[in-house]
Each structure stands twice: as structure tokens, then as C-alpha cells.
Amino acid sequence: MSGEGQALERRDLLKLSGLALMGLAAPPAALAQNGPPAGDLDLTFLHCWSDEKGDTHVMIRPLAKTVKPIPLTGAMNVHFDSRPFIPLHIAPQRMFVITLQGDFELEASDGTRLKAPPSGLSFDGDTTGKGHVARLKDAVNIDIGVPADFDVLRWARGE
């Protein structure tokens, strides 16, 4: 693909990322006014966290239709990552990862391996502990930092 074609593709992906951010931060009233999107909507996310012993876990969790806007820290990174494997590491900060393209999979220190669900939404909260391994295939991810005290489980329940 030519450089011009790649720039167009990346620009389109950045537009999509803006739409994804708007969807995450949209007030429930705006979503209710327009009604649910057409087709099936995957209301789940991949959650990565570490427990008191330092073991890291991953799990697909449900996401309420009534989630509130997310308090962002202002840190956002777009990754056009060609690495198929990122060795054991902890998250640099608590953050959402939105996979726009490709596959994103996490392996926890307990051995569990899960791919991001069709929603493309993941939450990396293991800023301490043994860490996780990331596997990517042609992945384009957006990392969005949240405050250290952000409670992703309460948010996911719509509280």
C-alpha cells in the first residue's frame, strides 16, 4: 500500500477513535434519545486486574446500558502496533484500551488467555503485581488513561 493510502487509512481510524471516545463519554440521556444502535450490541469488556497476592486475572464482564461518562486523565495514545507479542508487564496506568482493528489478547499470570470482545473494549487495571502478556495481530489500539481511583466495576454496573 502506498504512503498516501496508509495516511488515509490512519486518518479514518482516528475518526473512528473519536467516535469511540464520544460513545464512551456520551451521557445516557443522549443514548436513550437516539435509541439503541441497529443490530446486536456487545455490552461486554475485557477486564485485567491484580489481586492482593499480586496474581493477575482477566475476565469478560458485562457492561450496563446506563454507564456514565468516564473521567479521563487527558492521556490518550494510538498504537499501530506490529509486535505480535509483548512480554510480561504491568499496565503503566489504569486505562481503557479500545481495539479498532485486529486482535488484542491478554494472558494473565494465572494462565487465563482471553481476546477482547467484539466491542473492542478492554480495561487494564493491573498497575501492580505479576503483570500480563499481550498478544496482538494487526492491532490498532487506543489507550485512554483514567484516574487512579476510578472504579471500573461500579462504572460497568452503571453506578
N, C-alpha and C. Protein backbone atom coordinates (compact mmCIF):
# COMPACT_ATOMS: atom_id res chain seq x y z
N MET A 1 0.84 -1.17 0.00
CA MET A 1 0.00 0.00 0.00
C MET A 1 0.89 1.24 0.00
N SER A 2 0.52 2.25 -0.73
CA SER A 2 1.32 3.47 -0.82
C SER A 2 1.22 4.25 0.48
N GLY A 3 2.17 5.18 0.67
CA GLY A 3 2.16 6.03 1.85
C GLY A 3 0.88 6.84 1.94
N GLU A 4 0.38 7.33 0.78
CA GLU A 4 -0.86 8.11 0.77
C GLU A 4 -2.04 7.27 1.23
N GLY A 5 -2.10 6.02 0.78
CA GLY A 5 -3.18 5.12 1.18
C GLY A 5 -3.13 4.83 2.67
N GLN A 6 -1.91 4.68 3.21
CA GLN A 6 -1.78 4.42 4.64
C GLN A 6 -2.23 5.64 5.44
N ALA A 7 -1.90 6.83 4.98
CA ALA A 7 -2.31 8.04 5.69
C ALA A 7 -3.83 8.15 5.71
N LEU A 8 -4.47 7.85 4.60
CA LEU A 8 -5.93 7.90 4.55
C LEU A 8 -6.51 6.88 5.53
N GLU A 9 -5.96 5.68 5.54
CA GLU A 9 -6.47 4.65 6.42
C GLU A 9 -6.30 5.07 7.88
N ARG A 10 -5.15 5.62 8.23
CA ARG A 10 -4.92 6.05 9.61
C ARG A 10 -5.85 7.21 9.97
N ARG A 11 -6.08 8.12 9.04
CA ARG A 11 -6.98 9.24 9.30
C ARG A 11 -8.39 8.69 9.57
N ASP A 12 -8.81 7.71 8.78
CA ASP A 12 -10.13 7.11 9.01
C ASP A 12 -10.19 6.43 10.38
N LEU A 13 -9.10 5.75 10.75
CA LEU A 13 -9.07 5.11 12.07
C LEU A 13 -9.11 6.14 13.19
N LEU A 14 -8.46 7.27 13.00
CA LEU A 14 -8.51 8.31 14.01
C LEU A 14 -9.92 8.88 14.13
N LYS A 15 -10.62 8.99 13.01
CA LYS A 15 -12.01 9.43 13.07
C LYS A 15 -12.84 8.43 13.88
N LEU A 16 -12.60 7.14 13.62
CA LEU A 16 -13.31 6.11 14.36
C LEU A 16 -13.00 6.19 15.84
N SER A 17 -11.74 6.49 16.18
CA SER A 17 -11.37 6.59 17.58
C SER A 17 -12.12 7.74 18.24
N GLY A 18 -12.29 8.84 17.54
CA GLY A 18 -13.06 9.95 18.08
C GLY A 18 -14.50 9.54 18.35
N LEU A 19 -15.07 8.78 17.42
CA LEU A 19 -16.44 8.29 17.63
C LEU A 19 -16.51 7.35 18.82
N ALA A 20 -15.48 6.50 18.96
CA ALA A 20 -15.45 5.58 20.10
C ALA A 20 -15.38 6.36 21.40
N LEU A 21 -14.56 7.39 21.46
CA LEU A 21 -14.45 8.20 22.66
C LEU A 21 -15.77 8.89 22.97
N MET A 22 -16.43 9.40 21.94
CA MET A 22 -17.71 10.06 22.15
C MET A 22 -18.72 9.07 22.71
N GLY A 23 -18.70 7.84 22.24
CA GLY A 23 -19.61 6.82 22.73
C GLY A 23 -19.35 6.47 24.17
N LEU A 24 -18.06 6.40 24.57
CA LEU A 24 -17.74 6.09 25.96
C LEU A 24 -18.16 7.21 26.90
N ALA A 25 -18.07 8.43 26.43
CA ALA A 25 -18.35 9.56 27.31
C ALA A 25 -19.74 10.15 27.10
N ALA A 26 -20.55 9.54 26.24
CA ALA A 26 -21.88 10.08 25.95
C ALA A 26 -22.79 9.94 27.16
N PRO A 27 -23.54 10.99 27.48
CA PRO A 27 -24.49 10.87 28.58
C PRO A 27 -25.59 9.89 28.24
N PRO A 28 -26.08 9.11 29.23
CA PRO A 28 -27.14 8.13 28.96
C PRO A 28 -28.36 8.74 28.30
N ALA A 29 -28.70 9.99 28.64
CA ALA A 29 -29.88 10.62 28.05
C ALA A 29 -29.73 10.75 26.54
N ALA A 30 -28.51 11.04 26.08
CA ALA A 30 -28.27 11.15 24.64
C ALA A 30 -28.44 9.80 23.96
N LEU A 31 -27.98 8.75 24.63
CA LEU A 31 -28.13 7.41 24.06
C LEU A 31 -29.60 7.01 24.04
N ALA A 32 -30.32 7.33 25.11
CA ALA A 32 -31.74 6.96 25.19
C ALA A 32 -32.56 7.72 24.15
N GLN A 33 -32.20 8.97 23.90
CA GLN A 33 -32.95 9.79 22.95
C GLN A 33 -32.86 9.21 21.54
N ASN A 34 -31.69 8.74 21.17
CA ASN A 34 -31.48 8.20 19.83
C ASN A 34 -31.83 6.72 19.74
N GLY A 35 -32.08 6.08 20.86
CA GLY A 35 -32.40 4.67 20.86
C GLY A 35 -31.17 3.82 20.68
N PRO A 36 -31.29 2.52 20.85
CA PRO A 36 -30.13 1.64 20.71
C PRO A 36 -29.71 1.55 19.25
N PRO A 37 -28.43 1.28 19.02
CA PRO A 37 -27.97 1.12 17.64
C PRO A 37 -28.62 -0.10 17.00
N ALA A 38 -28.70 -0.08 15.69
CA ALA A 38 -29.27 -1.22 14.97
C ALA A 38 -28.37 -2.43 15.13
N GLY A 39 -28.96 -3.61 15.12
CA GLY A 39 -28.18 -4.84 15.21
C GLY A 39 -27.84 -5.19 16.64
N ASP A 40 -27.10 -6.28 16.78
CA ASP A 40 -26.70 -6.73 18.11
C ASP A 40 -25.58 -5.85 18.64
N LEU A 41 -25.67 -5.53 19.90
CA LEU A 41 -24.67 -4.70 20.56
C LEU A 41 -24.01 -5.54 21.64
N ASP A 42 -22.69 -5.68 21.56
CA ASP A 42 -21.97 -6.45 22.56
C ASP A 42 -21.66 -5.56 23.74
N LEU A 43 -22.36 -5.75 24.83
CA LEU A 43 -22.16 -4.93 26.00
C LEU A 43 -21.29 -5.67 27.02
N THR A 44 -20.06 -5.97 26.61
CA THR A 44 -19.09 -6.60 27.49
C THR A 44 -17.73 -5.93 27.28
N PHE A 45 -16.84 -6.17 28.24
CA PHE A 45 -15.47 -5.68 28.11
C PHE A 45 -14.53 -6.67 28.75
N LEU A 46 -13.29 -6.64 28.33
CA LEU A 46 -12.23 -7.48 28.89
C LEU A 46 -11.60 -6.73 30.05
N HIS A 47 -11.60 -7.33 31.23
CA HIS A 47 -11.08 -6.68 32.43
C HIS A 47 -9.83 -7.42 32.90
N CYS A 48 -8.75 -6.68 33.11
CA CYS A 48 -7.49 -7.22 33.62
C CYS A 48 -7.18 -6.52 34.94
N TRP A 49 -6.92 -7.30 35.99
CA TRP A 49 -6.63 -6.73 37.31
C TRP A 49 -5.71 -7.66 38.09
N SER A 50 -5.11 -7.13 39.16
CA SER A 50 -4.29 -7.96 40.03
C SER A 50 -4.92 -8.01 41.42
N ASP A 51 -4.79 -9.16 42.08
CA ASP A 51 -5.37 -9.33 43.41
C ASP A 51 -4.35 -8.98 44.49
N GLU A 52 -4.73 -9.19 45.75
CA GLU A 52 -3.88 -8.85 46.89
C GLU A 52 -2.56 -9.61 46.90
N LYS A 53 -2.55 -10.82 46.32
CA LYS A 53 -1.33 -11.64 46.28
C LYS A 53 -0.43 -11.27 45.11
N GLY A 54 -0.92 -10.37 44.23
CA GLY A 54 -0.13 -9.97 43.07
C GLY A 54 -0.42 -10.77 41.81
N ASP A 55 -1.32 -11.76 41.91
CA ASP A 55 -1.68 -12.54 40.73
C ASP A 55 -2.58 -11.69 39.83
N THR A 56 -2.34 -11.79 38.54
CA THR A 56 -3.14 -11.04 37.57
C THR A 56 -4.21 -11.95 36.99
N HIS A 57 -5.40 -11.39 36.76
CA HIS A 57 -6.54 -12.14 36.24
C HIS A 57 -7.16 -11.38 35.08
N VAL A 58 -7.82 -12.11 34.18
CA VAL A 58 -8.60 -11.49 33.11
C VAL A 58 -9.97 -12.15 33.08
N MET A 59 -10.97 -11.35 32.71
CA MET A 59 -12.35 -11.85 32.68
C MET A 59 -13.17 -10.96 31.76
N ILE A 60 -14.11 -11.57 31.05
CA ILE A 60 -15.07 -10.80 30.26
C ILE A 60 -16.21 -10.42 31.22
N ARG A 61 -16.49 -9.12 31.29
CA ARG A 61 -17.51 -8.64 32.23
C ARG A 61 -18.63 -7.94 31.46
N PRO A 62 -19.85 -7.96 32.02
CA PRO A 62 -20.97 -7.26 31.37
C PRO A 62 -20.85 -5.75 31.56
N LEU A 63 -21.46 -5.03 30.66
CA LEU A 63 -21.46 -3.58 30.69
C LEU A 63 -22.91 -3.11 30.63
N ALA A 64 -23.33 -2.36 31.66
CA ALA A 64 -24.71 -1.86 31.71
C ALA A 64 -24.96 -0.86 30.58
N LYS A 65 -26.21 -0.78 30.16
CA LYS A 65 -26.58 0.20 29.13
C LYS A 65 -26.63 1.61 29.71
N THR A 66 -26.49 1.73 31.02
CA THR A 66 -26.63 3.02 31.69
C THR A 66 -25.30 3.55 32.21
N VAL A 67 -24.17 3.19 31.58
CA VAL A 67 -22.88 3.68 32.07
C VAL A 67 -22.82 5.20 31.97
N LYS A 68 -22.07 5.77 32.88
CA LYS A 68 -21.92 7.23 32.94
C LYS A 68 -20.65 7.64 32.19
N PRO A 69 -20.50 8.92 31.88
CA PRO A 69 -19.27 9.38 31.24
C PRO A 69 -18.05 9.03 32.07
N ILE A 70 -16.95 8.79 31.40
CA ILE A 70 -15.71 8.39 32.05
C ILE A 70 -14.86 9.63 32.35
N PRO A 71 -14.32 9.74 33.57
CA PRO A 71 -13.41 10.84 33.86
C PRO A 71 -12.03 10.53 33.28
N LEU A 72 -11.67 11.19 32.21
CA LEU A 72 -10.40 10.91 31.55
C LEU A 72 -9.28 11.74 32.15
N THR A 73 -8.06 11.21 32.08
CA THR A 73 -6.90 11.95 32.61
C THR A 73 -6.30 12.86 31.56
N GLY A 74 -6.74 12.74 30.32
CA GLY A 74 -6.17 13.54 29.25
C GLY A 74 -5.12 12.80 28.47
N ALA A 75 -4.65 11.66 28.99
CA ALA A 75 -3.64 10.87 28.30
C ALA A 75 -4.33 9.92 27.32
N MET A 76 -4.02 10.02 26.04
CA MET A 76 -4.57 9.12 25.04
C MET A 76 -3.48 8.81 24.04
N ASN A 77 -3.28 7.54 23.74
CA ASN A 77 -2.27 7.12 22.78
C ASN A 77 -2.90 6.20 21.76
N VAL A 78 -2.55 6.39 20.50
CA VAL A 78 -2.99 5.49 19.43
C VAL A 78 -1.79 4.64 19.05
N HIS A 79 -1.97 3.32 19.02
CA HIS A 79 -0.88 2.41 18.70
C HIS A 79 -1.19 1.65 17.42
N PHE A 80 -0.31 1.79 16.43
CA PHE A 80 -0.35 0.96 15.24
C PHE A 80 0.75 -0.07 15.49
N ASP A 81 0.45 -1.09 16.27
CA ASP A 81 1.46 -1.98 16.80
C ASP A 81 1.69 -3.19 15.91
N SER A 82 2.93 -3.39 15.49
CA SER A 82 3.26 -4.54 14.64
C SER A 82 3.88 -5.66 15.45
N ARG A 83 4.08 -5.45 16.76
CA ARG A 83 4.65 -6.52 17.60
C ARG A 83 3.57 -7.57 17.84
N PRO A 84 3.88 -8.84 17.57
CA PRO A 84 2.87 -9.87 17.82
C PRO A 84 2.79 -10.26 19.30
N PHE A 85 3.82 -9.90 20.07
CA PHE A 85 3.91 -10.38 21.45
C PHE A 85 4.57 -9.30 22.30
N ILE A 86 3.94 -8.94 23.40
CA ILE A 86 4.55 -8.01 24.36
C ILE A 86 4.73 -8.79 25.66
N PRO A 87 6.00 -9.00 26.07
CA PRO A 87 6.26 -9.85 27.24
C PRO A 87 5.62 -9.32 28.52
N LEU A 88 5.70 -10.13 29.53
CA LEU A 88 5.10 -9.85 30.83
C LEU A 88 5.39 -8.42 31.29
N HIS A 89 4.32 -7.70 31.61
CA HIS A 89 4.44 -6.30 32.05
C HIS A 89 3.18 -5.92 32.83
N ILE A 90 3.26 -4.84 33.58
CA ILE A 90 2.08 -4.28 34.24
C ILE A 90 1.62 -3.09 33.42
N ALA A 91 0.38 -2.69 33.61
CA ALA A 91 -0.14 -1.51 32.92
C ALA A 91 0.58 -0.27 33.48
N PRO A 92 0.98 0.65 32.60
CA PRO A 92 1.66 1.86 33.08
C PRO A 92 0.75 2.76 33.90
N GLN A 93 -0.54 2.63 33.69
CA GLN A 93 -1.57 3.35 34.44
C GLN A 93 -2.88 2.62 34.23
N ARG A 94 -3.88 2.90 35.04
CA ARG A 94 -5.20 2.30 34.83
C ARG A 94 -5.76 2.93 33.56
N MET A 95 -6.21 2.09 32.63
CA MET A 95 -6.63 2.63 31.34
C MET A 95 -7.56 1.71 30.59
N PHE A 96 -8.37 2.34 29.75
CA PHE A 96 -9.16 1.61 28.77
C PHE A 96 -8.31 1.42 27.54
N VAL A 97 -8.50 0.29 26.88
CA VAL A 97 -7.88 0.03 25.59
C VAL A 97 -9.03 -0.26 24.63
N ILE A 98 -9.10 0.50 23.56
CA ILE A 98 -10.12 0.28 22.54
C ILE A 98 -9.42 -0.27 21.31
N THR A 99 -9.77 -1.48 20.91
CA THR A 99 -9.19 -2.11 19.73
C THR A 99 -10.06 -1.77 18.53
N LEU A 100 -9.50 -0.96 17.63
CA LEU A 100 -10.24 -0.53 16.44
C LEU A 100 -10.12 -1.53 15.31
N GLN A 101 -8.99 -2.23 15.28
CA GLN A 101 -8.71 -3.14 14.17
C GLN A 101 -7.82 -4.25 14.68
N GLY A 102 -7.96 -5.44 14.14
CA GLY A 102 -7.10 -6.55 14.50
C GLY A 102 -7.55 -7.24 15.77
N ASP A 103 -6.64 -8.06 16.31
CA ASP A 103 -6.93 -8.84 17.51
C ASP A 103 -6.04 -8.40 18.66
N PHE A 104 -6.62 -8.35 19.85
CA PHE A 104 -5.92 -7.98 21.08
C PHE A 104 -6.27 -9.03 22.11
N GLU A 105 -5.26 -9.69 22.65
CA GLU A 105 -5.47 -10.76 23.63
C GLU A 105 -4.55 -10.54 24.82
N LEU A 106 -5.06 -10.81 26.01
CA LEU A 106 -4.26 -10.72 27.22
C LEU A 106 -4.15 -12.09 27.87
N GLU A 107 -2.97 -12.37 28.41
CA GLU A 107 -2.75 -13.59 29.20
C GLU A 107 -2.34 -13.16 30.60
N ALA A 108 -3.11 -13.58 31.59
CA ALA A 108 -2.86 -13.21 32.98
C ALA A 108 -1.81 -14.13 33.59
N SER A 109 -1.27 -13.72 34.73
CA SER A 109 -0.27 -14.55 35.42
C SER A 109 -0.87 -15.86 35.90
N ASP A 110 -2.20 -15.94 36.02
CA ASP A 110 -2.84 -17.20 36.42
C ASP A 110 -3.01 -18.16 35.24
N GLY A 111 -2.57 -17.73 34.02
CA GLY A 111 -2.62 -18.59 32.83
C GLY A 111 -3.84 -18.39 31.94
N THR A 112 -4.81 -17.63 32.38
CA THR A 112 -6.02 -17.39 31.58
C THR A 112 -5.69 -16.48 30.41
N ARG A 113 -6.13 -16.87 29.21
CA ARG A 113 -5.95 -16.06 27.99
C ARG A 113 -7.31 -15.73 27.41
N LEU A 114 -7.55 -14.43 27.18
CA LEU A 114 -8.82 -14.00 26.60
C LEU A 114 -8.58 -12.91 25.58
N LYS A 115 -9.38 -12.95 24.50
CA LYS A 115 -9.36 -11.88 23.49
C LYS A 115 -10.35 -10.81 23.88
N ALA A 116 -10.07 -9.60 23.43
CA ALA A 116 -11.03 -8.52 23.61
C ALA A 116 -12.33 -8.93 22.92
N PRO A 117 -13.48 -8.61 23.52
CA PRO A 117 -14.76 -8.99 22.91
C PRO A 117 -15.02 -8.16 21.65
N PRO A 118 -16.08 -8.49 20.91
CA PRO A 118 -16.40 -7.73 19.69
C PRO A 118 -16.54 -6.22 19.92
N SER A 119 -16.87 -5.81 21.14
CA SER A 119 -16.96 -4.37 21.42
C SER A 119 -15.60 -3.70 21.27
N GLY A 120 -14.52 -4.47 21.38
CA GLY A 120 -13.18 -3.91 21.31
C GLY A 120 -12.75 -3.21 22.58
N LEU A 121 -13.55 -3.28 23.63
CA LEU A 121 -13.27 -2.54 24.86
C LEU A 121 -12.59 -3.43 25.89
N SER A 122 -11.46 -2.94 26.40
CA SER A 122 -10.73 -3.62 27.48
C SER A 122 -10.38 -2.61 28.55
N PHE A 123 -10.16 -3.11 29.76
CA PHE A 123 -9.69 -2.24 30.84
C PHE A 123 -8.50 -2.91 31.49
N ASP A 124 -7.34 -2.22 31.46
CA ASP A 124 -6.13 -2.72 32.10
C ASP A 124 -5.96 -1.99 33.43
N GLY A 125 -6.12 -2.74 34.52
CA GLY A 125 -6.03 -2.13 35.84
C GLY A 125 -4.94 -2.74 36.69
N ASP A 126 -4.09 -3.57 36.09
CA ASP A 126 -3.04 -4.24 36.87
C ASP A 126 -1.76 -3.40 36.89
N THR A 127 -1.78 -2.33 37.67
CA THR A 127 -0.62 -1.44 37.77
C THR A 127 0.39 -1.95 38.79
N THR A 128 0.05 -3.03 39.49
CA THR A 128 0.96 -3.70 40.41
C THR A 128 0.82 -5.20 40.16
N GLY A 129 1.64 -5.99 40.81
CA GLY A 129 1.51 -7.43 40.72
C GLY A 129 2.43 -8.04 39.66
N LYS A 130 2.08 -9.26 39.25
CA LYS A 130 2.93 -10.04 38.35
C LYS A 130 2.81 -9.62 36.89
N GLY A 131 1.73 -8.94 36.54
CA GLY A 131 1.58 -8.44 35.18
C GLY A 131 0.88 -9.40 34.24
N HIS A 132 0.85 -9.01 32.96
CA HIS A 132 0.17 -9.79 31.93
C HIS A 132 1.01 -9.75 30.65
N VAL A 133 0.70 -10.67 29.75
CA VAL A 133 1.31 -10.74 28.42
C VAL A 133 0.24 -10.27 27.43
N ALA A 134 0.64 -9.51 26.42
CA ALA A 134 -0.29 -9.08 25.38
C ALA A 134 0.10 -9.73 24.07
N ARG A 135 -0.91 -10.21 23.35
CA ARG A 135 -0.72 -10.76 22.01
C ARG A 135 -1.56 -9.94 21.05
N LEU A 136 -0.94 -9.52 19.97
CA LEU A 136 -1.62 -8.65 19.01
C LEU A 136 -1.45 -9.21 17.60
N LYS A 137 -2.49 -9.03 16.81
CA LYS A 137 -2.42 -9.41 15.39
C LYS A 137 -3.01 -8.24 14.61
N ASP A 138 -2.13 -7.50 13.91
CA ASP A 138 -2.56 -6.34 13.12
C ASP A 138 -3.43 -5.39 13.94
N ALA A 139 -3.05 -5.18 15.19
CA ALA A 139 -3.88 -4.41 16.11
C ALA A 139 -3.63 -2.91 16.00
N VAL A 140 -4.73 -2.17 16.05
CA VAL A 140 -4.71 -0.72 16.22
C VAL A 140 -5.51 -0.46 17.48
N ASN A 141 -4.82 0.02 18.52
CA ASN A 141 -5.44 0.24 19.82
C ASN A 141 -5.33 1.70 20.23
N ILE A 142 -6.32 2.15 20.97
CA ILE A 142 -6.28 3.46 21.60
C ILE A 142 -6.25 3.21 23.11
N ASP A 143 -5.26 3.78 23.79
CA ASP A 143 -5.16 3.69 25.24
C ASP A 143 -5.67 5.01 25.83
N ILE A 144 -6.58 4.91 26.80
CA ILE A 144 -7.17 6.10 27.41
C ILE A 144 -7.04 5.98 28.92
N GLY A 145 -6.21 6.83 29.51
CA GLY A 145 -5.98 6.80 30.94
C GLY A 145 -7.16 7.32 31.74
N VAL A 146 -7.34 6.73 32.92
CA VAL A 146 -8.37 7.18 33.86
C VAL A 146 -7.70 7.44 35.21
N PRO A 147 -8.35 8.19 36.11
CA PRO A 147 -7.76 8.44 37.42
C PRO A 147 -7.48 7.15 38.19
N ALA A 148 -6.49 7.19 39.06
CA ALA A 148 -6.09 6.00 39.83
C ALA A 148 -7.23 5.45 40.68
N ASP A 149 -8.16 6.30 41.11
CA ASP A 149 -9.25 5.84 41.96
C ASP A 149 -10.52 5.47 41.18
N PHE A 150 -10.45 5.44 39.85
CA PHE A 150 -11.61 5.08 39.04
C PHE A 150 -12.01 3.64 39.32
N ASP A 151 -13.29 3.42 39.64
CA ASP A 151 -13.80 2.08 39.95
C ASP A 151 -14.51 1.53 38.72
N VAL A 152 -13.82 0.73 37.95
CA VAL A 152 -14.35 0.23 36.68
C VAL A 152 -15.57 -0.67 36.89
N LEU A 153 -15.62 -1.41 38.00
CA LEU A 153 -16.75 -2.31 38.24
C LEU A 153 -18.03 -1.50 38.53
N ARG A 154 -17.91 -0.46 39.34
CA ARG A 154 -19.09 0.40 39.60
C ARG A 154 -19.53 1.07 38.31
N TRP A 155 -18.56 1.56 37.52
CA TRP A 155 -18.88 2.19 36.25
C TRP A 155 -19.61 1.21 35.33
N ALA A 156 -19.10 -0.01 35.25
CA ALA A 156 -19.70 -1.02 34.37
C ALA A 156 -21.12 -1.39 34.78
N ARG A 157 -21.42 -1.27 36.07
CA ARG A 157 -22.78 -1.53 36.56
C ARG A 157 -23.70 -0.33 36.36
N GLY A 158 -23.15 0.79 35.90
CA GLY A 158 -23.96 1.98 35.69
C GLY A 158 -24.14 2.83 36.93
N GLU A 159 -23.32 2.58 37.94
CA GLU A 159 -23.44 3.33 39.22
C GLU A 159 -22.66 4.63 39.14
